[in-house]
Amino acid sequence: MSDHDHSHSHGPNDPSHSHGPGPDDHAHSHSHGPGDAPVPTPEAPMEDSSTQALSDALKSSFLVVRVVMAGLIVLFFASGIFTVGPQEVAIKLLFGASTGKGEAALLKPGLHWSFPFPINEIVKIPKDQVHTVISSAGWYPVTPQQELAGQEPPAGATLNPAADGYTLTADGNIMHVKATLRYRISDPEAYVFQFAAVSNLVQNALNNALHHASGQFTVDKATRQDIAGFKGKLMTRVQALVTAQNLGIEFDPRGCDVVAIPPRQVKAAFDAVLEAENDKRKAVNTAEGDANTTRTKAEAEADAIRNAGRADATRIVQSAKADADYFLARLPEFTSNPQLFRDRRLTETMAAVLGNAQEKYFIVERTDGTPRELRILLNREPLKPAAPKQP
């Protein structure tokens, strides 16, 4: 053992009990007898306090580490809490794969929890939100500033095919067409997982439908005469393309807004045609109004003539029927004595004819049947007396 670990015991008479300082005196502990207490060295208390301080420091450090670790765990799990909005649904992915199929894979609006990324990944889909797509073909370029201000860019002298969009019509003309389509997501899984950008596909379908519908209408019908038919043909084409590609969308009830106009460079010519058609329409309407008036008047006159004819026919028929009834009633009398019947009828007729005559002459027929000559002497009209002459 070293000198630091030795203890020396001396008797009471040991001459070495008391000696001067030597080189090893600082490492020895001396015992003087059974009744004497040991004298401690000054290094022992310093070692115990430093060890205790180190132990306390380690305990404090471990406590802080445990608290930090617990906080990190709580934060880790709390970071998985998320909210699905009122117009949204969400799909939870586990290492990139959906955790369900169909409606079971959709998380409804509300509060939900999942493991943080990369274990779980949340894809939110605005299912009930109305999405808007505007066609990119068939219209001339307009800057956002001009569109917000409601301004039109200058038309220029001629149409520039490199910059100005247009469509070909069935009569070989060209026109500008712009369509705005609104839709909602009906199949979130197809919308998210089958296509990278469904809105681009919808826009392509809309552009295709613009050219398809334009090729089946003349410029006059598409821009003025049959706007509703042109829009219906366009929507039918878009619906067919969307259904064939299974894009997982449905059209909004407001449908699609379509604007079709002739080229701006020939707007004056189209306006002149429109004005001429308006004049023609006015003239036709005026002529139709006059024709209706004349027809109504003629129909009224025809009705009056027909009614008068019917009334006369009814009167004549009734009169003839009355005469027939009268003659039928007199037929037995005539059959029994025709001469007497004729004389009576003649007397009745003469009485009716001569009832208002002032002078009556009755000439009897001669027995031989020759006519009699009747001469009436008419006096000359008397002369009026001349007026006396004035003196």
Protein backbone atom coordinates (compact mmCIF):
# COMPACT_ATOMS: atom_id res chain seq x y z
CA MET A 1 0.00 0.00 0.00
CA SER A 2 1.20 3.52 -0.50
CA ASP A 3 2.04 5.96 2.12
CA HIS A 4 -1.38 7.58 1.77
CA ASP A 5 -3.03 4.37 2.98
CA HIS A 6 -0.87 3.67 6.10
CA SER A 7 -1.83 4.35 9.70
CA HIS A 8 0.84 4.21 12.35
CA SER A 9 0.15 3.34 16.01
CA HIS A 10 2.64 4.28 18.68
CA GLY A 11 2.73 3.57 22.28
CA PRO A 12 2.75 6.31 24.82
CA ASN A 13 6.43 6.04 25.15
CA ASP A 14 7.20 5.71 21.51
CA PRO A 15 9.80 8.27 20.70
CA SER A 16 8.35 8.67 17.20
CA HIS A 17 5.04 10.02 18.48
CA SER A 18 6.33 13.46 18.36
CA HIS A 19 8.67 14.47 15.59
CA GLY A 20 9.33 17.31 13.29
CA PRO A 21 7.69 17.65 9.96
CA GLY A 22 8.82 15.25 7.32
CA PRO A 23 8.13 14.74 3.65
CA ASP A 24 5.37 12.16 4.25
CA ASP A 25 3.57 13.78 7.13
CA HIS A 26 0.70 14.98 4.95
CA ALA A 27 -0.22 11.37 3.96
CA HIS A 28 -0.37 9.73 7.39
CA SER A 29 -3.13 9.39 9.95
CA HIS A 30 -1.93 8.87 13.45
CA SER A 31 -3.72 6.88 16.20
CA HIS A 32 -2.65 7.62 19.74
CA GLY A 33 -4.44 5.05 21.72
CA PRO A 34 -7.75 3.53 22.49
CA GLY A 35 -9.13 6.65 24.06
CA ASP A 36 -7.98 9.12 21.45
CA ALA A 37 -10.31 10.14 18.40
CA PRO A 38 -8.81 10.02 14.89
CA VAL A 39 -7.90 13.30 13.29
CA PRO A 40 -9.62 13.59 9.81
CA THR A 41 -7.77 14.88 6.80
CA PRO A 42 -9.09 17.99 4.97
CA GLU A 43 -9.47 16.29 1.47
CA ALA A 44 -12.39 13.90 2.32
CA PRO A 45 -15.17 16.53 2.71
CA MET A 46 -14.20 18.19 -0.63
CA GLU A 47 -14.48 14.88 -2.53
CA ASP A 48 -17.94 14.13 -1.09
CA SER A 49 -19.37 17.57 -1.97
CA SER A 50 -18.11 17.48 -5.58
CA THR A 51 -19.51 13.97 -6.09
CA GLN A 52 -22.83 15.04 -4.65
CA ALA A 53 -22.89 18.12 -6.91
CA LEU A 54 -22.08 16.00 -9.95
CA SER A 55 -24.80 13.53 -9.00
CA ASP A 56 -27.32 16.32 -8.55
CA ALA A 57 -26.34 17.82 -11.90
CA LEU A 58 -26.74 14.47 -13.63
CA LYS A 59 -30.13 13.95 -12.02
CA SER A 60 -31.26 17.40 -13.16
CA SER A 61 -29.97 16.74 -16.67
CA PHE A 62 -31.77 13.41 -16.89
CA LEU A 63 -34.98 15.08 -15.66
CA VAL A 64 -34.70 17.78 -18.34
CA VAL A 65 -34.02 15.14 -20.98
CA ARG A 66 -37.06 13.14 -19.89
CA VAL A 67 -39.25 16.25 -19.96
CA VAL A 68 -37.94 17.19 -23.40
CA MET A 69 -38.48 13.67 -24.71
CA ALA A 70 -42.03 13.60 -23.33
CA GLY A 71 -42.72 16.99 -24.93
CA LEU A 72 -41.35 15.79 -28.26
CA ILE A 73 -43.57 12.70 -28.12
CA VAL A 74 -46.62 14.80 -27.29
CA LEU A 75 -45.71 17.24 -30.07
CA PHE A 76 -45.20 14.36 -32.49
CA PHE A 77 -48.66 12.96 -31.86
CA ALA A 78 -50.29 16.39 -31.66
CA SER A 79 -48.88 17.30 -35.07
CA GLY A 80 -51.13 14.61 -36.57
CA ILE A 81 -54.31 16.53 -35.68
CA PHE A 82 -55.87 18.22 -38.70
CA THR A 83 -59.20 19.72 -39.76
CA VAL A 84 -61.25 19.07 -42.89
CA GLY A 85 -63.14 22.16 -44.03
CA PRO A 86 -66.92 22.34 -44.59
CA GLN A 87 -66.59 22.16 -48.41
CA GLU A 88 -63.81 19.59 -48.41
CA VAL A 89 -63.15 15.89 -48.06
CA ALA A 90 -59.79 14.30 -47.34
CA ILE A 91 -58.08 11.03 -48.20
CA LYS A 92 -55.57 9.50 -45.77
CA LEU A 93 -52.55 7.83 -47.37
CA LEU A 94 -50.44 5.22 -45.56
CA PHE A 95 -46.97 5.24 -47.11
CA GLY A 96 -48.51 6.60 -50.32
CA ALA A 97 -51.47 4.18 -50.57
CA SER A 98 -55.10 4.98 -49.75
CA THR A 99 -56.41 3.51 -46.50
CA GLY A 100 -59.87 2.73 -47.91
CA LYS A 101 -62.03 2.40 -51.00
CA GLY A 102 -64.95 4.47 -52.17
CA GLU A 103 -66.81 6.44 -49.53
CA ALA A 104 -64.88 4.66 -46.77
CA ALA A 105 -61.69 6.37 -47.92
CA LEU A 106 -63.17 9.87 -47.61
CA LEU A 107 -62.79 11.85 -44.40
CA LYS A 108 -65.78 14.09 -43.81
CA PRO A 109 -65.56 17.71 -42.59
CA GLY A 110 -64.44 17.95 -38.99
CA LEU A 111 -61.44 17.19 -36.72
CA HIS A 112 -59.28 14.12 -37.49
CA TRP A 113 -55.95 12.58 -36.48
CA SER A 114 -53.23 10.68 -38.32
CA PHE A 115 -49.59 9.84 -37.96
CA PRO A 116 -47.37 12.65 -39.22
CA PHE A 117 -45.58 12.51 -42.54
CA PRO A 118 -44.05 10.29 -43.89
CA ILE A 119 -46.18 7.61 -42.24
CA ASN A 120 -49.48 9.19 -43.18
CA GLU A 121 -50.17 11.86 -45.77
CA ILE A 122 -53.43 13.85 -45.98
CA VAL A 123 -54.76 14.94 -49.37
CA LYS A 124 -57.57 17.50 -49.07
CA ILE A 125 -60.03 17.78 -51.95
CA PRO A 126 -62.46 20.72 -52.40
CA LYS A 127 -65.38 18.42 -53.29
CA ASP A 128 -68.31 20.87 -52.92
CA GLN A 129 -66.40 23.86 -54.23
CA VAL A 130 -67.31 25.19 -57.69
CA HIS A 131 -64.32 25.10 -60.05
CA THR A 132 -64.19 27.34 -63.11
CA VAL A 133 -62.38 26.63 -66.39
CA ILE A 134 -62.13 29.11 -69.27
CA SER A 135 -61.41 27.99 -72.80
CA SER A 136 -58.00 28.91 -74.18
CA ALA A 137 -58.84 28.61 -77.89
CA GLY A 138 -61.04 30.67 -80.16
CA TRP A 139 -60.59 34.09 -78.52
CA TYR A 140 -58.27 37.01 -79.09
CA PRO A 141 -55.65 37.75 -76.38
CA VAL A 142 -56.77 40.02 -73.54
CA THR A 143 -54.48 41.08 -70.70
CA PRO A 144 -55.68 40.65 -67.08
CA GLN A 145 -55.65 44.42 -66.63
CA GLN A 146 -57.88 44.92 -69.67
CA GLU A 147 -60.22 42.16 -68.53
CA LEU A 148 -60.59 43.68 -65.05
CA ALA A 149 -61.17 47.13 -66.53
CA GLY A 150 -63.67 45.78 -69.07
CA GLN A 151 -61.60 47.07 -71.98
CA GLU A 152 -61.06 45.50 -75.38
CA PRO A 153 -57.65 45.39 -77.07
CA PRO A 154 -57.45 47.15 -80.46
CA ALA A 155 -58.71 44.96 -83.28
CA GLY A 156 -56.04 45.88 -85.79
CA ALA A 157 -56.38 46.09 -89.53
CA THR A 158 -56.44 42.32 -90.10
CA LEU A 159 -56.79 39.19 -87.99
CA ASN A 160 -53.47 37.74 -86.88
CA PRO A 161 -53.71 33.92 -86.84
CA ALA A 162 -50.55 33.66 -84.74
CA ALA A 163 -52.10 35.63 -81.88
CA ASP A 164 -55.86 35.79 -82.41
CA GLY A 165 -57.81 32.62 -81.70
CA TYR A 166 -60.78 31.71 -83.89
CA THR A 167 -62.95 28.79 -85.02
CA LEU A 168 -64.21 27.77 -88.46
CA THR A 169 -67.97 27.70 -89.07
CA ALA A 170 -70.07 25.47 -91.30
CA ASP A 171 -70.42 28.17 -93.99
CA GLY A 172 -66.66 28.72 -94.27
CA ASN A 173 -66.55 31.83 -92.08
CA ILE A 174 -64.60 32.40 -88.89
CA MET A 175 -65.70 33.69 -85.49
CA HIS A 176 -64.38 34.24 -81.99
CA VAL A 177 -65.78 31.96 -79.26
CA LYS A 178 -65.13 31.94 -75.51
CA ALA A 179 -66.67 29.49 -73.01
CA THR A 180 -66.63 29.47 -69.20
CA LEU A 181 -67.43 26.08 -67.65
CA ARG A 182 -68.25 25.43 -63.97
CA TYR A 183 -68.02 22.01 -62.36
CA ARG A 184 -67.80 20.15 -59.04
CA ILE A 185 -65.82 17.06 -58.07
CA SER A 186 -68.07 13.98 -57.99
CA ASP A 187 -65.39 11.24 -57.66
CA PRO A 188 -62.53 12.47 -55.43
CA GLU A 189 -60.41 9.32 -55.89
CA ALA A 190 -60.48 9.53 -59.69
CA TYR A 191 -59.92 13.28 -59.54
CA VAL A 192 -56.79 12.94 -57.35
CA PHE A 193 -55.19 9.61 -58.21
CA GLN A 194 -55.95 9.00 -61.89
CA PHE A 195 -54.92 12.36 -63.31
CA ALA A 196 -52.23 14.88 -62.49
CA ALA A 197 -54.32 17.96 -63.38
CA VAL A 198 -58.00 17.40 -64.17
CA SER A 199 -58.61 21.10 -64.83
CA ASN A 200 -56.23 20.93 -67.81
CA LEU A 201 -58.16 17.98 -69.24
CA VAL A 202 -61.46 19.82 -68.75
CA GLN A 203 -60.03 22.84 -70.56
CA ASN A 204 -58.83 20.62 -73.43
CA ALA A 205 -62.31 19.07 -73.68
CA LEU A 206 -63.85 22.56 -73.72
CA ASN A 207 -61.51 23.70 -76.52
CA ASN A 208 -62.34 20.57 -78.50
CA ALA A 209 -66.05 21.19 -78.07
CA LEU A 210 -65.70 24.78 -79.31
CA HIS A 211 -64.26 23.66 -82.66
CA HIS A 212 -66.69 20.72 -82.89
CA ALA A 213 -69.78 22.87 -82.36
CA SER A 214 -68.54 25.71 -84.59
CA GLY A 215 -68.17 23.31 -87.51
CA GLN A 216 -71.90 22.49 -87.35
CA PHE A 217 -73.31 26.04 -87.28
CA THR A 218 -73.12 29.00 -89.63
CA VAL A 219 -71.71 32.20 -88.23
CA ASP A 220 -75.15 33.85 -88.27
CA LYS A 221 -76.80 31.02 -86.36
CA ALA A 222 -74.00 30.70 -83.80
CA THR A 223 -73.75 34.42 -83.09
CA ARG A 224 -77.37 35.59 -83.45
CA GLN A 225 -80.07 33.24 -84.72
CA ASP A 226 -79.56 30.05 -82.69
CA ILE A 227 -77.31 30.87 -79.72
CA ALA A 228 -79.09 28.36 -77.45
CA GLY A 229 -78.66 25.55 -80.01
CA PHE A 230 -74.96 26.32 -80.37
CA LYS A 231 -74.49 26.25 -76.60
CA GLY A 232 -76.41 22.98 -76.32
CA LYS A 233 -74.25 21.31 -78.96
CA LEU A 234 -71.11 22.50 -77.18
CA MET A 235 -72.25 21.18 -73.78
CA THR A 236 -73.21 17.83 -75.30
CA ARG A 237 -69.72 17.45 -76.72
CA VAL A 238 -68.02 18.41 -73.44
CA GLN A 239 -70.20 15.97 -71.48
CA ALA A 240 -69.33 13.15 -73.89
CA LEU A 241 -65.58 13.79 -73.56
CA VAL A 242 -65.69 14.09 -69.76
CA THR A 243 -67.69 10.87 -69.47
CA ALA A 244 -65.38 8.98 -71.84
CA GLN A 245 -62.28 10.02 -69.85
CA ASN A 246 -63.95 9.43 -66.44
CA LEU A 247 -62.62 12.67 -64.98
CA GLY A 248 -64.71 12.37 -61.82
CA ILE A 249 -66.56 15.70 -62.19
CA GLU A 250 -70.14 16.89 -62.69
CA PHE A 251 -71.28 20.16 -64.21
CA ASP A 252 -72.64 22.91 -61.99
CA PRO A 253 -76.37 23.72 -62.48
CA ARG A 254 -75.37 27.13 -63.80
CA GLY A 255 -73.73 25.26 -66.65
CA CYS A 256 -71.59 27.09 -69.16
CA ASP A 257 -71.42 30.68 -70.40
CA VAL A 258 -70.73 30.96 -74.13
CA VAL A 259 -69.88 34.13 -76.06
CA ALA A 260 -69.67 33.95 -79.87
CA ILE A 261 -68.98 37.02 -82.02
CA PRO A 262 -67.92 37.59 -85.63
CA PRO A 263 -64.38 38.86 -86.29
CA ARG A 264 -63.97 42.38 -85.03
CA GLN A 265 -62.36 43.52 -88.28
CA VAL A 266 -65.66 42.96 -90.16
CA LYS A 267 -67.98 44.04 -87.37
CA ALA A 268 -69.28 46.98 -89.46
CA ALA A 269 -70.40 44.62 -92.24
CA PHE A 270 -72.15 42.32 -89.79
CA ASP A 271 -73.83 45.34 -88.18
CA ALA A 272 -75.06 46.46 -91.59
CA VAL A 273 -76.49 43.01 -92.25
CA LEU A 274 -78.11 43.04 -88.83
CA GLU A 275 -79.66 46.46 -89.50
CA ALA A 276 -80.97 45.26 -92.87
CA GLU A 277 -82.47 42.20 -91.22
CA ASN A 278 -84.09 44.42 -88.60
CA ASP A 279 -85.61 46.58 -91.36
CA LYS A 280 -86.78 43.44 -93.14
CA ARG A 281 -88.27 42.13 -89.92
CA LYS A 282 -90.10 45.42 -89.33
CA ALA A 283 -91.49 45.41 -92.89
CA VAL A 284 -92.57 41.80 -92.56
CA ASN A 285 -94.20 42.52 -89.21
CA THR A 286 -96.02 45.53 -90.66
CA ALA A 287 -97.21 43.50 -93.65
CA GLU A 288 -98.30 40.66 -91.39
CA GLY A 289 -100.18 43.15 -89.22
CA ASP A 290 -101.97 44.62 -92.26
CA ALA A 291 -102.71 41.11 -93.53
CA ASN A 292 -104.14 40.14 -90.16
CA THR A 293 -106.29 43.28 -90.11
CA THR A 294 -107.57 42.68 -93.63
CA ARG A 295 -108.14 39.00 -92.93
CA THR A 296 -110.02 39.80 -89.74
CA LYS A 297 -112.18 42.38 -91.52
CA ALA A 298 -112.89 40.01 -94.42
CA GLU A 299 -113.73 37.20 -92.03
CA ALA A 300 -116.10 39.51 -90.18
CA GLU A 301 -117.82 40.53 -93.41
CA ALA A 302 -117.99 36.92 -94.54
CA ASP A 303 -119.53 35.95 -91.21
CA ALA A 304 -122.09 38.76 -91.58
CA ILE A 305 -122.99 37.65 -95.13
CA ARG A 306 -123.23 34.04 -94.05
CA ASN A 307 -125.39 34.96 -91.08
CA ALA A 308 -127.65 37.12 -93.27
CA GLY A 309 -127.91 34.29 -95.80
CA ARG A 310 -128.75 31.83 -93.07
CA ALA A 311 -131.39 34.24 -91.70
CA ASP A 312 -132.90 34.77 -95.20
CA ALA A 313 -132.83 31.05 -95.85
CA THR A 314 -134.55 30.39 -92.58
CA ARG A 315 -137.16 33.06 -93.29
CA ILE A 316 -137.81 31.81 -96.83
CA VAL A 317 -138.01 28.23 -95.66
CA GLN A 318 -140.43 29.19 -92.92
CA SER A 319 -142.49 31.29 -95.35
CA ALA A 320 -142.52 28.52 -97.92
CA LYS A 321 -143.46 26.02 -95.24
CA ALA A 322 -146.27 28.31 -94.05
CA ASP A 323 -147.53 28.70 -97.63
CA ALA A 324 -147.27 24.96 -98.15
CA ASP A 325 -149.18 24.32 -94.97
CA TYR A 326 -151.80 26.87 -96.01
CA PHE A 327 -152.23 25.37 -99.47
CA LEU A 328 -152.30 21.87 -98.07
CA ALA A 329 -155.00 23.02 -95.66
CA ARG A 330 -157.00 24.47 -98.62
CA LEU A 331 -156.42 21.49 -100.89
CA PRO A 332 -159.62 19.67 -99.84
CA GLU A 333 -161.68 22.78 -100.63
CA PHE A 334 -160.07 23.11 -104.05
CA THR A 335 -160.55 19.43 -104.75
CA SER A 336 -164.23 19.55 -103.88
CA ASN A 337 -165.07 22.67 -106.01
CA PRO A 338 -162.18 24.24 -107.96
CA GLN A 339 -164.21 27.04 -109.56
CA LEU A 340 -165.67 28.20 -106.33
CA PHE A 341 -162.26 28.07 -104.72
CA ARG A 342 -160.81 30.23 -107.53
CA ASP A 343 -163.59 32.75 -107.25
CA ARG A 344 -163.21 33.04 -103.54
CA ARG A 345 -159.46 33.41 -103.81
CA LEU A 346 -159.90 36.03 -106.53
CA THR A 347 -162.36 37.96 -104.43
CA GLU A 348 -160.06 37.85 -101.42
CA THR A 349 -157.11 38.93 -103.51
CA MET A 350 -158.98 41.79 -105.17
CA ALA A 351 -160.17 42.97 -101.79
CA ALA A 352 -156.63 43.02 -100.53
CA VAL A 353 -155.35 44.76 -103.68
CA LEU A 354 -158.09 47.33 -103.99
CA GLY A 355 -158.50 48.00 -100.32
CA ASN A 356 -156.77 51.41 -100.49
CA ALA A 357 -157.94 52.49 -103.98
CA GLN A 358 -160.21 55.56 -104.15
CA GLU A 359 -161.87 54.60 -107.45
CA LYS A 360 -162.54 51.01 -108.46
CA TYR A 361 -163.56 49.69 -111.88
CA PHE A 362 -164.71 46.11 -112.40
CA ILE A 363 -164.74 44.84 -115.99
CA VAL A 364 -166.52 41.60 -116.62
CA GLU A 365 -165.13 39.30 -119.23
CA ARG A 366 -167.12 38.71 -122.34
CA THR A 367 -168.64 35.39 -122.89
CA ASP A 368 -166.67 34.90 -126.07
CA GLY A 369 -163.46 35.65 -124.30
CA THR A 370 -162.54 38.80 -126.22
CA PRO A 371 -161.09 41.56 -124.09
CA ARG A 372 -162.99 44.69 -123.33
CA GLU A 373 -161.59 48.16 -124.01
CA LEU A 374 -161.55 50.62 -121.19
CA ARG A 375 -161.29 54.30 -121.98
CA ILE A 376 -160.89 56.96 -119.33
CA LEU A 377 -161.56 60.63 -120.18
CA LEU A 378 -159.14 62.85 -118.44
CA ASN A 379 -159.99 66.59 -118.40
CA ARG A 380 -157.31 69.06 -119.27
CA GLU A 381 -155.68 70.61 -116.31
CA PRO A 382 -157.35 74.00 -115.60
CA LEU A 383 -155.32 77.11 -116.25
CA LYS A 384 -154.16 79.11 -113.30
CA PRO A 385 -155.56 82.68 -113.20
CA ALA A 386 -153.03 85.33 -114.08
CA ALA A 387 -151.95 87.70 -111.34
CA PRO A 388 -153.36 91.26 -111.70
CA LYS A 389 -150.91 93.75 -113.05
CA GLN A 390 -149.73 96.51 -110.83
CA PRO A 391 -150.86 100.05 -111.85
